[in-house]
Every structure is written in structure tokens, then in C-alpha cells.
């Protein structure tokens, strides 16, 4: 069989492309490395577009179980993405879009549609040929969307997995066409077995060899390890991998990922990248990052500690707990702590455990309670018990999405005495459906249209003046004192507050402190006679950044400190 494809003439690119791969183990730090490289290049005055490439055939991350793939992060334009996009946004302090997320599912869907539209002019459509070309097309689209100087492509999974070989092939094609306008950064792990006590470089040597066998000689190596890489191992790696020793960057474990940019810059990564691309090394500006890292060190070593229980239902998988399920919530709580010069100690509390042992026994030692998003019936009564405990004991409470829905149900049951109050997500024929599904959403479920059909992305919300929510947004600088009190927040849910119960709950003391501009969809609730009890239908954690923490998390932590 002969291949027929229109070849592109090689030319000097305005946008430079950096591919990031990982080896040895998953979770080695590709996402943090990609985020860090983006932040470093941005600090030198360049515009950067990071792109996450996932090998699974799902079109997006929206239908994947949290225990399977971690948090689903949502962009302003409603794309349900991998959690790495959250890190990209937090490190760059900017909003990204669907252009920054690519899956094999998207690629095949697009290629098949193009074939049906006769856009290949009668060619036989080949996996090894057209998929890499579509990947390159997506990366070029990402460059155009941000008018980027750099596109940084993070390849999901590890080298050697056949699922991601086509992304490696796209890298090979671009390197063939454009030479030094592309670069490859490999992130490898150097273990230190306790029984030996010596850092071992063979796993990284082997992962680089696998990469070379796929047609890619990496230009840079990020050496992840428990401790700093010594000169002897750097020399060994340089000799065995053909990577210049000055391009081998030591990446030891740190207590905060926000220290990584300063560490990598000190190792010379930014200068070496710019030297590779023959670009000027503009004036560096890492002052904010360095000040922030110093602040974290000071706070984390202080005695000012608050203990917050995160009550959820997706932590457990076998004997292990998965904090990645709520990574944006975790980071946002840390941001709120640092903004208040306090160290936040987070404890994962399973709602199923509360159901078995009771809220008082499990939650009595905590200074604050946070309930993040979720779906389904498992552990719901445990969450409702936790919310009731927070309300009655005047413990600062922050509810997010499901944490808002279940807070209204708890209030309806125990304050308004609607004992059978529930959500139709759990009890379809609930006598008092405080939370119900909108007709258009119900139609989608009946047709089994699950993917990308929820209320997704950024929606405007009008905050009620004089409320605790308004005070938080004002103090955070996200609202002005006069004019329309409008904010924009990201959503990911299918069920809504039932307005038929709005008057009854408000008369009993529930405050609707935020709603959509037309007043039809409740967005924020709070309690008057409570030091801090706020819950949102949206996900404020998606917009919190280390250098610009979200006001609701900042105020929540402030209330926790005040109570303690």
C-alpha cells in the first residue's frame, strides 16, 4: 500500500513547540513540569499555550469516574478536561479553553467526520498518517487561539505505551520538518530503594532508550527523585542518554509545587530552552513567584494551623485515598490559608464513615468543614449529617455544587420540617424535591445523552448586596461597591434548586445570596445566624490561583481562624 499525503514545506516557525513526555511511572510530574515551563517562559515575556494530550478514546473527561482519572476540570467555555489544565491555569494565572485539551477520542471523531465530508479528496485514511497530522493541526490551532510564542504539549501516560505512540509520532514529524523549532523534554524518575540507599539511574536510561526507539532523541531531561541529583549521576545520564549535562535538570521532591518554577530557573532550564530555540533571554521576572515561595515556607513552618475536614465520597479506592479527586479544592483551600497567613491541614473524611459512626464522633475536632462536588446516592446521608452538624455547632461551612444542593435539603428537613425533602437525583419520586432536574436536562438523560450535556462552563451570577457572599467578593476585589454586582463562575451539574420551595426556605432563614441575572437559577445560599455558612451551585475552586486566591475560600479560612 502506498501512502498519499500532502507534505508541508518546512519553514521557520513563529511559534515554537515543546513536547513533554514521562517515563518509568505515571504521576511522575509531567503536569507540574509543563506548568512550570509555561510559567518560566511567560516570566521572560513570551505568550504560552499549554496543551494536554490524553490517549483515551473518551471525547472529554466528563464521563470518566473520578477514582479512575482524578478530578474533572472545567474551562470557561465548558470543556470537561483533565486536571492538569487546572495546574496550567494556576501557574499561568490565566483562563484556558477547549483548544488546550486534546484526546484520541476527539481526534478520531474529527477524522471520521472529515472522511464522511470527503475532505481527504478520496485518499485512504490511515491511522499512522492522518492521526499525527490532526494532532499537529490541533497544536497549531492552540497556537492561533492564544497567538502564542510557545506551545507546550504534554503527552499523557508514559513512554512505551502504545496508546500515546501517535503523539510521539506527531513530535517526530514536526522535528523532521522544523528541526530546532521543536524540542522534547522527558521527565523520568530516579528511585532510591531503601534496601540499597543509592539513587538509581537505570530506569531513566531505559525510558529514554524507549523514546529514542520511537524516533525521538530528547533535548532535555527532568530528573525526578526524592533528593537533589548529584553531579556523578548527571554525568552518567548525559553519557547514556546523549543529553548535554547542562540540559539535565534536577527535580527533587518539594513540599509545595509552587516552589518548582524558582528551582528549575535556578538550575538553568529557562536559559537553556531559549538557547535551544535561539531566542533572546528577555529580562526575567520571577519576583512574585519567589516572594510567594518564601511566604509559603514561613507559613508552613509556623504554629498557626487550622484543621479542615473535607467530607466527600470519592476518596477511597481499596486501601488507598485519592486526593487528586478534589485537587482544585485542595489547592484553593491552601490558597485561602496562605492569604490569611495560616497553614491549612486537610483531612479526608468519608461520608460513608459518618453514616456508620455519626457526625459528632467524626467531626468534633475540626475547625471548618468543606463539602465538594459529587454525584449519586452513595454516602449522601453522611454528607447531610455533616452539614447539619456544621450548622448547629456554628462551625464554618463551605459547600460546593453538591455541597450546596445537600445543604438546602438539610435545611428543608431539619429547619422547615420537610422530613422527606430530597433530590430527584437520588429519589426520583421525592415528596419534597428541593433539588430537581430541569426539563431539558431530563430529556437528555432519557435519550442517554450524558457527555457534555450538563450546565457547563462560565455563567454570570448577580450577588445580593448586603450578604456575606458580597462581602467576600468585595474584600477580594472581585466586585465593585457600586453598580451591578455581577460575577462569572464555572459550573458542572445537571440538577438545580427547585424554586417552588424558595419562599418557604427563605422565610425560615435561608438567604439566596446569588442567582442568575434572570433570577431563575439559585447560585449561592447562606445563613444569617452563622459565623460562615456559604454554599455555591458553581465551582469557585476552578478560578482560584495561588497569586490570586478565590474570595470565598479566603473568607472561609478567615472565619475558621476567627472561630478558633
Protein backbone atom coordinates (compact mmCIF):
# COMPACT_ATOMS: atom_id res chain seq x y z
CA UNK A 1 0.00 0.00 0.00
CA UNK A 2 1.36 3.42 -0.88
CA UNK A 3 0.72 6.45 1.25
CA UNK A 4 -0.63 9.63 -0.28
CA UNK A 5 -0.49 12.75 1.84
CA UNK A 6 0.14 16.38 1.14
CA UNK A 7 3.54 17.17 2.64
CA UNK A 8 4.12 20.55 4.20
CA UNK A 9 7.07 22.64 3.22
CA UNK A 10 9.41 23.20 6.15
CA UNK A 11 9.67 26.82 7.19
CA UNK A 12 10.90 28.88 10.09
CA UNK A 13 8.10 28.90 12.64
CA UNK A 14 6.97 31.87 14.65
CA UNK A 15 5.56 29.54 17.29
CA UNK A 16 7.97 27.10 18.92
CA UNK A 17 6.77 23.68 20.06
CA UNK A 18 7.88 21.82 23.18
CA UNK A 19 6.75 18.23 23.79
CA UNK A 20 6.80 16.82 27.34
CA UNK A 21 6.79 13.05 27.94
CA UNK A 22 7.13 10.92 31.04
CA UNK A 23 8.82 7.64 31.82
CA UNK A 24 9.14 4.90 34.45
CA UNK A 25 5.90 5.62 36.36
CA UNK A 26 2.69 7.58 35.92
CA UNK A 27 2.23 10.64 38.10
CA UNK A 28 5.92 11.45 37.80
CA UNK A 29 5.28 15.17 37.42
CA UNK A 30 4.69 15.89 33.73
CA UNK A 31 1.81 18.24 34.53
CA UNK A 32 3.83 20.28 37.03
CA UNK A 33 6.79 20.29 34.62
CA UNK A 34 4.60 21.56 31.77
CA UNK A 35 3.04 24.19 34.05
CA UNK A 36 6.46 25.26 35.27
CA UNK A 37 7.97 25.58 31.79
CA UNK A 38 4.94 27.65 30.78
CA UNK A 39 5.33 29.92 33.81
CA UNK A 40 9.08 30.35 33.24
CA UNK A 41 8.68 31.28 29.58
CA UNK A 42 5.83 33.62 30.48
CA UNK A 43 8.09 35.26 33.08
CA UNK A 44 10.50 36.11 30.22
CA UNK A 45 7.77 37.90 28.29
CA UNK A 46 6.60 35.12 25.97
CA UNK A 47 2.99 34.07 25.33
CA UNK A 48 2.48 30.39 26.09
CA UNK A 49 -0.23 27.87 25.19
CA UNK A 50 0.00 24.60 27.16
CA UNK A 51 -1.91 21.64 25.69
CA UNK A 52 -2.76 18.36 27.41
CA UNK A 53 -2.93 15.33 25.10
CA UNK A 54 -4.72 12.31 26.58
CA UNK A 55 -4.61 8.93 24.88
CA UNK A 56 -8.02 7.62 25.90
CA UNK A 57 -10.87 7.38 23.39
CA UNK A 58 -13.24 9.43 25.53
CA UNK A 59 -14.06 12.69 23.76
CA UNK A 60 -13.57 14.51 27.05
CA UNK A 61 -13.08 13.69 30.73
CA UNK A 62 -16.72 14.31 31.67
CA UNK A 63 -17.89 10.70 31.74
CA UNK A 64 -14.85 9.21 33.48
CA UNK A 65 -15.13 8.18 37.15
CA UNK A 66 -13.09 10.44 39.47
CA UNK A 67 -11.43 7.38 41.01
CA UNK A 68 -10.35 6.35 37.51
CA UNK A 69 -8.77 9.56 36.29
CA UNK A 70 -8.90 12.15 39.08
CA UNK A 71 -10.65 15.50 39.04
CA UNK A 72 -12.57 16.75 36.03
CA UNK A 73 -11.52 20.36 35.48
CA UNK A 74 -13.88 22.71 33.62
CA UNK A 75 -12.85 25.68 31.50
CA UNK A 76 -14.83 28.88 30.91
CA UNK A 77 -16.09 27.58 27.56
CA UNK A 78 -17.44 24.43 29.22
CA UNK A 79 -14.82 21.86 28.23
CA UNK A 80 -14.53 19.00 30.73
CA UNK A 81 -10.81 18.34 30.86
CA UNK A 82 -8.00 16.57 32.63
CA UNK A 83 -6.93 18.02 35.99
CA UNK A 84 -3.61 19.17 34.50
CA UNK A 85 -5.38 22.11 32.87
CA UNK A 86 -6.13 23.32 36.38
CA UNK A 87 -2.40 23.41 37.11
CA UNK A 88 -1.75 25.21 33.84
CA UNK A 89 -4.26 27.92 34.76
CA UNK A 90 -2.98 28.24 38.31
CA UNK A 91 0.65 28.60 37.22
CA UNK A 92 -0.10 31.00 34.36
CA UNK A 93 -2.83 32.91 36.24
CA UNK A 94 -4.92 32.86 33.08
CA UNK A 95 -8.00 31.20 31.56
CA UNK A 96 -7.61 28.42 29.01
CA UNK A 97 -10.13 26.80 26.66
CA UNK A 98 -11.05 23.68 24.72
CA UNK A 99 -8.14 24.48 22.38
CA UNK A 100 -5.80 23.43 25.19
CA UNK A 101 -7.14 19.90 25.51
CA UNK A 102 -6.86 17.02 23.03
CA UNK A 103 -7.93 13.38 23.33
CA UNK A 104 -7.70 10.46 20.94
CA UNK A 105 -11.50 10.41 21.03
CA UNK A 106 -11.61 13.95 19.65
CA UNK A 107 -9.03 13.13 17.00
CA UNK A 108 -10.80 10.04 15.68
CA UNK A 109 -14.18 11.76 15.83
CA UNK A 110 -12.85 14.66 13.73
CA UNK A 111 -11.02 12.44 11.24
CA UNK A 112 -14.05 10.21 10.64
CA UNK A 113 -16.27 13.25 10.15
CA UNK A 114 -13.76 14.72 7.69
CA UNK A 115 -13.72 11.43 5.79
CA UNK A 116 -17.53 11.43 5.63
CA UNK A 117 -17.38 15.02 4.32
CA UNK A 118 -14.93 13.97 1.56
CA UNK A 119 -12.32 16.37 2.98
CA UNK A 120 -9.49 13.92 2.21
CA UNK A 121 -10.23 14.07 -1.53
CA UNK A 122 -10.64 10.34 -1.89
CA UNK A 123 -7.46 9.32 -0.07
CA UNK A 124 -7.43 6.15 2.02
CA UNK A 125 -7.44 7.45 5.59
CA UNK A 126 -4.65 5.90 7.66
CA UNK A 127 -4.09 5.88 11.43
CA UNK A 128 -0.31 6.25 11.24
CA UNK A 129 -0.59 9.09 8.76
CA UNK A 130 -3.67 11.18 9.42
CA UNK A 131 -3.89 10.98 13.20
CA UNK A 132 -0.45 12.59 13.75
CA UNK A 133 -1.37 15.24 11.16
CA UNK A 134 -4.58 16.01 13.06
CA UNK A 135 -2.57 16.26 16.29
CA UNK A 136 -0.27 18.79 14.63
CA UNK A 137 -3.33 20.65 13.36
CA UNK A 138 -4.73 20.84 16.93
CA UNK A 139 -1.43 22.18 18.28
CA UNK A 140 -1.35 24.83 15.57
CA UNK A 141 -4.95 25.79 16.45
CA UNK A 142 -3.91 26.18 20.09
CA UNK A 143 -1.10 28.49 18.96
CA UNK A 144 -3.50 30.62 16.93
CA UNK A 145 -6.08 30.80 19.75
CA UNK A 146 -3.58 32.50 22.07
CA UNK A 147 -1.27 33.98 19.41
CA UNK A 148 1.37 32.01 21.27
CA UNK A 149 5.14 32.15 21.01
CA UNK A 150 5.29 28.66 22.53
CA UNK A 151 3.01 25.65 22.52
CA UNK A 152 3.87 23.12 25.23
CA UNK A 153 2.35 19.72 24.53
CA UNK A 154 2.10 17.36 27.50
CA UNK A 155 1.75 13.76 26.35
CA UNK A 156 -0.33 11.73 28.79
CA UNK A 157 0.82 8.35 30.08
CA UNK A 158 4.36 7.02 29.89
CA UNK A 159 6.79 6.29 27.08
CA UNK A 160 6.36 2.77 25.79
CA UNK A 161 2.56 2.68 25.98
CA UNK A 162 1.14 2.04 22.52
CA UNK A 163 -1.81 4.39 23.26
CA UNK A 164 0.34 7.50 23.10
CA UNK A 165 2.69 6.49 20.27
CA UNK A 166 0.81 8.68 17.77
CA UNK A 167 1.53 11.78 19.85
CA UNK A 168 5.21 10.81 19.84
CA UNK A 169 4.94 10.34 16.08
CA UNK A 170 3.48 13.85 15.71
CA UNK A 171 6.53 15.12 17.60
CA UNK A 172 8.84 13.17 15.26
CA UNK A 173 7.15 14.62 12.17
CA UNK A 174 7.40 18.17 13.49
CA UNK A 175 11.04 17.67 14.42
CA UNK A 176 11.73 16.32 10.91
CA UNK A 177 10.03 19.34 9.34
CA UNK A 178 11.15 22.10 11.66
CA UNK A 179 14.30 20.95 13.43
CA UNK A 180 15.25 23.31 16.27
CA UNK A 181 11.83 24.97 16.21
CA UNK A 182 10.76 21.98 18.30
CA UNK A 183 12.15 20.46 21.49
CA UNK A 184 11.43 17.42 23.62
CA UNK A 185 11.52 17.39 27.42
CA UNK A 186 11.49 13.98 29.10
CA UNK A 187 10.51 13.59 32.75
CA UNK A 188 11.99 10.46 34.35
CA UNK A 189 12.09 9.02 37.85
CA UNK A 190 15.25 8.01 39.69
CA UNK A 191 14.29 5.79 42.65
CA UNK A 192 16.32 5.34 45.82
CA UNK A 193 15.43 1.84 47.09
CA UNK A 194 15.52 1.82 50.93
CA UNK A 195 17.36 -1.51 50.94
CA UNK A 196 20.17 -0.01 48.84
CA UNK A 197 20.23 3.64 49.85
CA UNK A 198 21.61 4.77 46.49
CA UNK A 199 19.83 6.72 43.74
CA UNK A 200 19.43 4.52 40.65
CA UNK A 201 19.54 5.96 37.10
CA UNK A 202 18.84 2.79 35.10
CA UNK A 203 15.02 3.32 34.97
CA UNK A 204 15.53 6.73 33.34
CA UNK A 205 18.17 5.36 30.96
CA UNK A 206 15.69 2.71 29.82
CA UNK A 207 12.79 5.14 29.37
CA UNK A 208 15.00 7.43 27.25
CA UNK A 209 16.03 4.42 25.14
CA UNK A 210 12.35 3.60 24.60
CA UNK A 211 11.79 7.18 23.49
CA UNK A 212 14.74 7.01 21.09
CA UNK A 213 13.36 3.76 19.66
CA UNK A 214 10.20 5.73 18.81
CA UNK A 215 12.23 8.21 16.82
CA UNK A 216 12.74 10.95 19.41
CA UNK A 217 16.06 11.96 20.96
CA UNK A 218 15.05 14.12 23.95
CA UNK A 219 16.72 17.50 24.24
CA UNK A 220 16.12 17.96 27.98
CA UNK A 221 15.75 15.63 30.94
CA UNK A 222 13.87 16.47 34.14
CA UNK A 223 15.31 14.10 36.76
CA UNK A 224 12.61 13.49 39.36
CA UNK A 225 13.84 11.98 42.61
CA UNK A 226 13.39 12.17 46.36
CA UNK A 227 16.57 14.24 46.68
CA UNK A 228 18.69 16.51 44.51
CA UNK A 229 20.58 14.87 41.65
CA UNK A 230 24.35 14.80 42.23
CA UNK A 231 26.99 15.56 39.60
CA UNK A 232 28.00 11.92 39.28
CA UNK A 233 24.52 10.85 38.24
CA UNK A 234 24.17 13.86 35.93
CA UNK A 235 27.35 12.83 34.14
CA UNK A 236 26.16 9.22 33.92
CA UNK A 237 22.80 10.27 32.47
CA UNK A 238 24.44 12.64 29.98
CA UNK A 239 26.74 9.87 28.75
CA UNK A 240 23.98 7.21 28.48
CA UNK A 241 21.18 9.37 27.05
CA UNK A 242 23.05 11.76 24.71
CA UNK A 243 21.55 14.73 26.56
CA UNK A 244 24.00 17.56 27.39
CA UNK A 245 24.68 17.70 31.12
CA UNK A 246 23.55 21.36 31.26
CA UNK A 247 20.14 20.22 29.93
CA UNK A 248 19.64 17.72 32.75
CA UNK A 249 17.56 19.41 35.43
CA UNK A 250 17.39 18.11 38.98
CA UNK A 251 13.82 17.97 40.31
CA UNK A 252 13.81 16.74 43.92
CA UNK A 253 10.63 16.38 45.97
CA UNK A 254 9.38 19.68 47.42
CA UNK A 255 6.68 20.43 49.97
CA UNK A 256 4.83 22.68 47.51
CA UNK A 257 4.61 22.54 43.73
CA UNK A 258 4.76 26.35 43.70
CA UNK A 259 8.46 26.16 44.57
CA UNK A 260 9.26 24.34 41.33
CA UNK A 261 9.50 27.38 38.97
CA UNK A 262 12.22 29.05 41.05
CA UNK A 263 14.07 25.71 41.41
CA UNK A 264 14.02 24.98 37.66
CA UNK A 265 15.06 28.54 36.80
CA UNK A 266 17.97 28.28 39.24
CA UNK A 267 19.00 25.04 37.51
CA UNK A 268 19.19 26.99 34.23
CA UNK A 269 16.21 25.45 32.43
CA UNK A 270 14.77 28.73 31.12
CA UNK A 271 18.07 29.93 29.68
CA UNK A 272 18.81 26.55 28.11
CA UNK A 273 15.38 26.36 26.47
CA UNK A 274 15.76 29.82 24.96
CA UNK A 275 19.28 28.97 23.84
CA UNK A 276 17.95 25.84 22.11
CA UNK A 277 15.43 27.94 20.16
CA UNK A 278 17.99 30.71 19.52
CA UNK A 279 15.70 33.24 21.16
CA UNK A 280 16.70 36.25 23.26
CA UNK A 281 16.68 35.79 27.01
CA UNK A 282 14.42 38.64 27.99
CA UNK A 283 14.53 40.20 31.42
CA UNK A 284 13.37 37.66 33.96
CA UNK A 285 10.56 38.47 36.38
CA UNK A 286 10.12 35.72 38.94
CA UNK A 287 9.88 38.16 41.86
CA UNK A 288 6.25 37.31 42.61
CA UNK A 289 6.92 33.57 42.49
CA UNK A 290 9.99 33.85 44.72
CA UNK A 291 8.18 36.06 47.25
CA UNK A 292 5.29 33.63 47.22
CA UNK A 293 7.58 30.63 47.75
CA UNK A 294 9.25 32.41 50.68
CA UNK A 295 5.82 33.19 52.14
CA UNK A 296 4.80 29.54 51.88
CA UNK A 297 7.97 28.49 53.71
CA UNK A 298 7.30 30.96 56.51
CA UNK A 299 3.66 29.92 56.89
CA UNK A 300 4.22 26.17 56.65
CA UNK A 301 6.84 26.39 59.42
CA UNK A 302 4.61 28.43 61.73
CA UNK A 303 2.36 27.19 64.52
CA UNK A 304 -0.75 28.83 63.04
CA UNK A 305 -2.56 25.72 61.84
CA UNK A 306 -6.25 25.15 61.15
CA UNK A 307 -7.81 21.72 60.66
CA UNK A 308 -10.42 21.40 57.93
CA UNK A 309 -12.47 18.30 57.18
CA UNK A 310 -13.17 17.72 53.51
CA UNK A 311 -16.24 15.48 53.53
CA UNK A 312 -16.64 13.59 50.26
CA UNK A 313 -17.40 10.29 48.64
CA UNK A 314 -14.67 9.66 46.06
CA UNK A 315 -11.58 9.40 48.25
CA UNK A 316 -11.31 5.67 48.60
CA UNK A 317 -10.02 3.04 46.20
CA UNK A 318 -9.25 -0.17 48.05
CA UNK A 319 -6.94 0.64 50.95
CA UNK A 320 -5.84 3.97 49.44
CA UNK A 321 -7.21 7.51 49.45
CA UNK A 322 -7.14 9.63 46.31
CA UNK A 323 -6.63 13.33 46.97
CA UNK A 324 -6.40 14.00 43.20
CA UNK A 325 -10.17 13.61 43.02
CA UNK A 326 -10.52 17.09 44.54
CA UNK A 327 -7.18 18.64 43.59
CA UNK A 328 -8.63 22.09 42.74
CA UNK A 329 -10.49 22.20 46.05
CA UNK A 330 -7.31 21.26 47.90
CA UNK A 331 -5.28 23.95 46.14
CA UNK A 332 -7.99 26.59 46.64
CA UNK A 333 -8.12 25.85 50.38
CA UNK A 334 -4.34 26.19 50.55
CA UNK A 335 -4.57 29.50 48.66
CA UNK A 336 -7.13 30.72 51.18
CA UNK A 337 -4.87 29.66 54.04
CA UNK A 338 -1.80 31.38 52.66
CA UNK A 339 -3.82 34.56 52.03
CA UNK A 340 -4.57 34.53 55.77
CA UNK A 341 -1.01 33.55 56.78
CA UNK A 342 -2.26 30.21 58.08
CA UNK A 343 -1.31 26.63 57.34
CA UNK A 344 -4.30 24.54 56.31
CA UNK A 345 -4.24 20.94 57.47
CA UNK A 346 -6.73 18.96 55.36
CA UNK A 347 -8.25 15.68 56.45
CA UNK A 348 -10.21 13.42 54.09
CA UNK A 349 -13.43 12.29 55.73
CA UNK A 350 -15.53 9.64 54.01
CA UNK A 351 -19.25 10.36 54.18
CA UNK A 352 -19.82 6.60 54.42
CA UNK A 353 -17.84 6.60 57.69
CA UNK A 354 -20.05 9.39 59.05
CA UNK A 355 -23.12 7.31 58.20
CA UNK A 356 -21.73 4.45 60.28
CA UNK A 357 -20.28 6.34 63.26
CA UNK A 358 -22.12 9.67 63.38
CA UNK A 359 -21.07 13.24 62.60
CA UNK A 360 -20.27 14.27 66.18
CA UNK A 361 -17.78 11.46 66.70
CA UNK A 362 -16.01 12.02 63.39
CA UNK A 363 -16.11 15.82 63.04
CA UNK A 364 -15.83 17.17 66.59
CA UNK A 365 -12.12 18.00 66.32
CA UNK A 366 -12.24 20.11 63.17
CA UNK A 367 -12.19 23.90 62.82
CA UNK A 368 -14.03 24.00 59.49
CA UNK A 369 -15.98 21.72 57.15
CA UNK A 370 -15.95 21.73 53.36
CA UNK A 371 -18.18 19.58 51.14
CA UNK A 372 -17.06 19.46 47.48
CA UNK A 373 -18.98 18.35 44.41
CA UNK A 374 -20.25 14.88 43.67
CA UNK A 375 -22.95 12.77 42.07
CA UNK A 376 -25.22 9.88 43.00
CA UNK A 377 -26.71 8.38 46.14
CA UNK A 378 -23.77 6.72 47.89
CA UNK A 379 -22.81 8.45 51.14
CA UNK A 380 -25.40 11.23 50.75
CA UNK A 381 -26.93 10.82 54.21
CA UNK A 382 -23.45 11.07 55.75
CA UNK A 383 -22.88 14.38 53.96
CA UNK A 384 -26.26 15.71 55.11
CA UNK A 385 -25.37 14.74 58.69
CA UNK A 386 -22.06 16.61 58.37
CA UNK A 387 -23.88 19.73 57.11
CA UNK A 388 -26.38 19.56 59.98
CA UNK A 389 -23.51 19.28 62.46
CA UNK A 390 -21.77 22.32 60.93
CA UNK A 391 -24.98 24.35 61.03
CA UNK A 392 -25.91 23.51 64.62
CA UNK A 393 -22.41 23.74 66.06
CA UNK A 394 -21.69 27.04 64.24
CA UNK A 395 -18.65 25.52 62.50
CA UNK A 396 -17.64 27.46 59.35
CA UNK A 397 -19.02 25.61 56.35
CA UNK A 398 -18.25 25.90 52.62
CA UNK A 399 -20.34 23.83 50.23
CA UNK A 400 -19.53 23.41 46.54
CA UNK A 401 -22.09 22.23 43.98
CA UNK A 402 -23.44 19.03 45.62
CA UNK A 403 -22.41 20.64 48.90
CA UNK A 404 -24.90 23.43 48.14
CA UNK A 405 -27.69 21.13 47.00
CA UNK A 406 -27.44 18.91 50.07
CA UNK A 407 -27.24 21.99 52.33
CA UNK A 408 -30.66 23.13 51.07
CA UNK A 409 -32.03 19.63 51.63
CA UNK A 410 -30.65 19.55 55.20
CA UNK A 411 -32.22 22.96 55.88
CA UNK A 412 -35.57 21.86 54.43
CA UNK A 413 -35.60 18.67 56.51
CA UNK A 414 -34.42 19.97 59.85
CA UNK A 415 -35.45 23.64 59.89
CA UNK A 416 -38.55 23.69 57.68
CA UNK A 417 -39.59 20.21 58.92
CA UNK A 418 -40.00 18.80 55.42
CA UNK A 419 -38.71 15.42 56.58
CA UNK A 420 -38.95 13.76 53.17
CA UNK A 421 -37.05 16.52 51.36
CA UNK A 422 -34.53 15.16 48.87
CA UNK A 423 -33.01 15.48 45.42
CA UNK A 424 -34.61 13.68 42.50
CA UNK A 425 -31.13 12.57 41.52
CA UNK A 426 -31.29 10.18 44.49
CA UNK A 427 -35.04 9.76 44.99
CA UNK A 428 -36.84 10.21 41.68
CA UNK A 429 -40.33 10.41 43.24
CA UNK A 430 -39.34 12.53 46.24
CA UNK A 431 -42.36 14.06 48.03
CA UNK A 432 -40.44 17.32 48.51
CA UNK A 433 -37.99 17.63 45.58
CA UNK A 434 -35.91 20.53 46.88
CA UNK A 435 -33.39 19.76 44.14
CA UNK A 436 -34.79 18.64 40.81
CA UNK A 437 -33.80 18.22 37.19
CA UNK A 438 -34.67 20.82 34.59
CA UNK A 439 -36.91 19.59 31.71
CA UNK A 440 -34.23 19.97 29.04
CA UNK A 441 -31.76 18.01 31.17
CA UNK A 442 -34.32 15.26 31.84
CA UNK A 443 -34.89 14.88 28.10
CA UNK A 444 -31.16 14.40 27.57
CA UNK A 445 -31.00 11.70 30.23
CA UNK A 446 -33.94 9.86 28.69
CA UNK A 447 -32.05 9.86 25.40
CA UNK A 448 -28.86 8.74 27.23
CA UNK A 449 -27.10 11.96 26.18
CA UNK A 450 -24.60 12.18 29.03
CA UNK A 451 -21.45 13.66 27.52
CA UNK A 452 -21.07 17.46 27.68
CA UNK A 453 -24.79 17.97 28.39
CA UNK A 454 -24.70 19.37 31.93
CA UNK A 455 -24.75 23.08 32.77
CA UNK A 456 -21.11 23.65 31.99
CA UNK A 457 -18.61 26.48 31.93
CA UNK A 458 -18.86 30.14 32.91
CA UNK A 459 -22.26 31.59 33.83
CA UNK A 460 -23.00 35.06 35.15
CA UNK A 461 -24.32 35.45 38.68
CA UNK A 462 -25.75 38.52 40.42
CA UNK A 463 -24.68 38.67 44.07
CA UNK A 464 -27.21 40.06 46.53
CA UNK A 465 -25.97 43.25 48.17
CA UNK A 466 -25.52 43.18 51.94
CA UNK A 467 -24.81 39.45 52.13
CA UNK A 468 -21.73 37.59 53.36
CA UNK A 469 -21.10 36.50 49.78
CA UNK A 470 -21.00 40.12 48.62
CA UNK A 471 -18.65 41.00 51.47
CA UNK A 472 -16.29 38.21 50.41
CA UNK A 473 -16.22 39.25 46.75
CA UNK A 474 -15.80 42.91 47.68
CA UNK A 475 -12.91 42.19 50.03
CA UNK A 476 -11.26 40.03 47.38
CA UNK A 477 -11.56 42.77 44.77
CA UNK A 478 -13.79 40.67 42.52
CA UNK A 479 -16.73 43.09 42.88
CA UNK A 480 -17.17 46.86 42.95
CA UNK A 481 -19.15 48.54 45.70
CA UNK A 482 -21.50 50.21 43.22
CA UNK A 483 -23.23 49.09 40.07
CA UNK A 484 -24.30 45.58 39.10
CA UNK A 485 -22.85 43.02 41.49
CA UNK A 486 -22.09 40.57 38.67
CA UNK A 487 -19.58 37.75 38.85
CA UNK A 488 -18.77 34.88 36.49
CA UNK A 489 -18.20 31.37 37.81
CA UNK A 490 -17.82 27.89 36.34
CA UNK A 491 -20.41 25.14 36.59
CA UNK A 492 -20.65 21.39 36.21
CA UNK A 493 -24.00 19.97 37.26
CA UNK A 494 -27.35 18.76 35.97
CA UNK A 495 -29.75 19.31 38.89
CA UNK A 496 -30.97 22.69 40.19
CA UNK A 497 -32.67 24.25 43.21
CA UNK A 498 -36.46 23.95 42.93
CA UNK A 499 -37.92 27.48 43.01
CA UNK A 500 -41.28 26.15 44.28
CA UNK A 501 -39.61 25.87 47.71
CA UNK A 502 -37.73 29.15 47.56
CA UNK A 503 -40.18 31.27 49.55
CA UNK A 504 -40.65 28.65 52.26
CA UNK A 505 -36.91 28.22 52.83
CA UNK A 506 -36.25 31.97 52.72
CA UNK A 507 -38.99 32.62 55.29
CA UNK A 508 -37.27 30.09 57.57
CA UNK A 509 -33.92 31.92 57.37
CA UNK A 510 -32.16 30.63 54.26
CA UNK A 511 -30.62 33.50 52.29
CA UNK A 512 -30.43 33.34 48.50
CA UNK A 513 -27.34 35.50 48.08
CA UNK A 514 -26.70 34.85 44.38
CA UNK A 515 -28.72 33.91 41.31
CA UNK A 516 -28.51 34.04 37.52
CA UNK A 517 -29.33 37.50 36.07
CA UNK A 518 -32.87 36.35 35.20
CA UNK A 519 -33.35 35.22 38.81
CA UNK A 520 -34.36 31.71 37.80
CA UNK A 521 -31.38 29.66 38.93
CA UNK A 522 -30.11 29.82 42.52
CA UNK A 523 -26.32 30.12 42.62
CA UNK A 524 -25.37 30.97 46.23
CA UNK A 525 -27.05 30.32 49.58
CA UNK A 526 -26.01 31.33 53.09
CA UNK A 527 -27.30 31.54 56.67
CA UNK A 528 -27.66 34.79 58.62
CA UNK A 529 -27.22 33.46 62.17
CA UNK A 530 -23.97 31.62 61.47
CA UNK A 531 -20.34 32.82 61.51
CA UNK A 532 -19.83 31.45 57.99
CA UNK A 533 -22.20 29.15 56.15
CA UNK A 534 -21.99 29.67 52.39
CA UNK A 535 -22.64 27.19 49.62
CA UNK A 536 -22.46 27.65 45.86
CA UNK A 537 -24.02 25.84 42.92
CA UNK A 538 -20.89 26.68 40.91
CA UNK A 539 -17.30 25.54 41.44
CA UNK A 540 -15.26 28.52 42.73
CA UNK A 541 -12.21 26.28 43.13
CA UNK A 542 -11.73 26.28 39.34
CA UNK A 543 -10.92 30.01 39.37
CA UNK A 544 -8.65 30.16 42.41
CA UNK A 545 -4.99 30.87 41.73
CA UNK A 546 -2.01 30.89 44.12
CA UNK A 547 -1.27 34.56 43.39
CA UNK A 548 -4.98 35.44 43.25
CA UNK A 549 -6.94 33.25 45.70
CA UNK A 550 -10.69 32.95 45.34
CA UNK A 551 -12.56 35.28 47.76
CA UNK A 552 -14.90 32.57 49.09
CA UNK A 553 -12.01 30.34 50.14
CA UNK A 554 -10.16 33.30 51.65
CA UNK A 555 -13.23 34.33 53.68
CA UNK A 556 -13.94 30.74 54.70
CA UNK A 557 -10.43 30.36 56.13
CA UNK A 558 -10.68 33.81 57.77
CA UNK A 559 -13.89 32.68 59.51
CA UNK A 560 -12.23 29.42 60.61
CA UNK A 561 -9.31 31.35 62.13
CA UNK A 562 -11.65 33.78 63.86
CA UNK A 563 -13.71 30.98 65.41
CA UNK A 564 -10.62 29.06 66.51
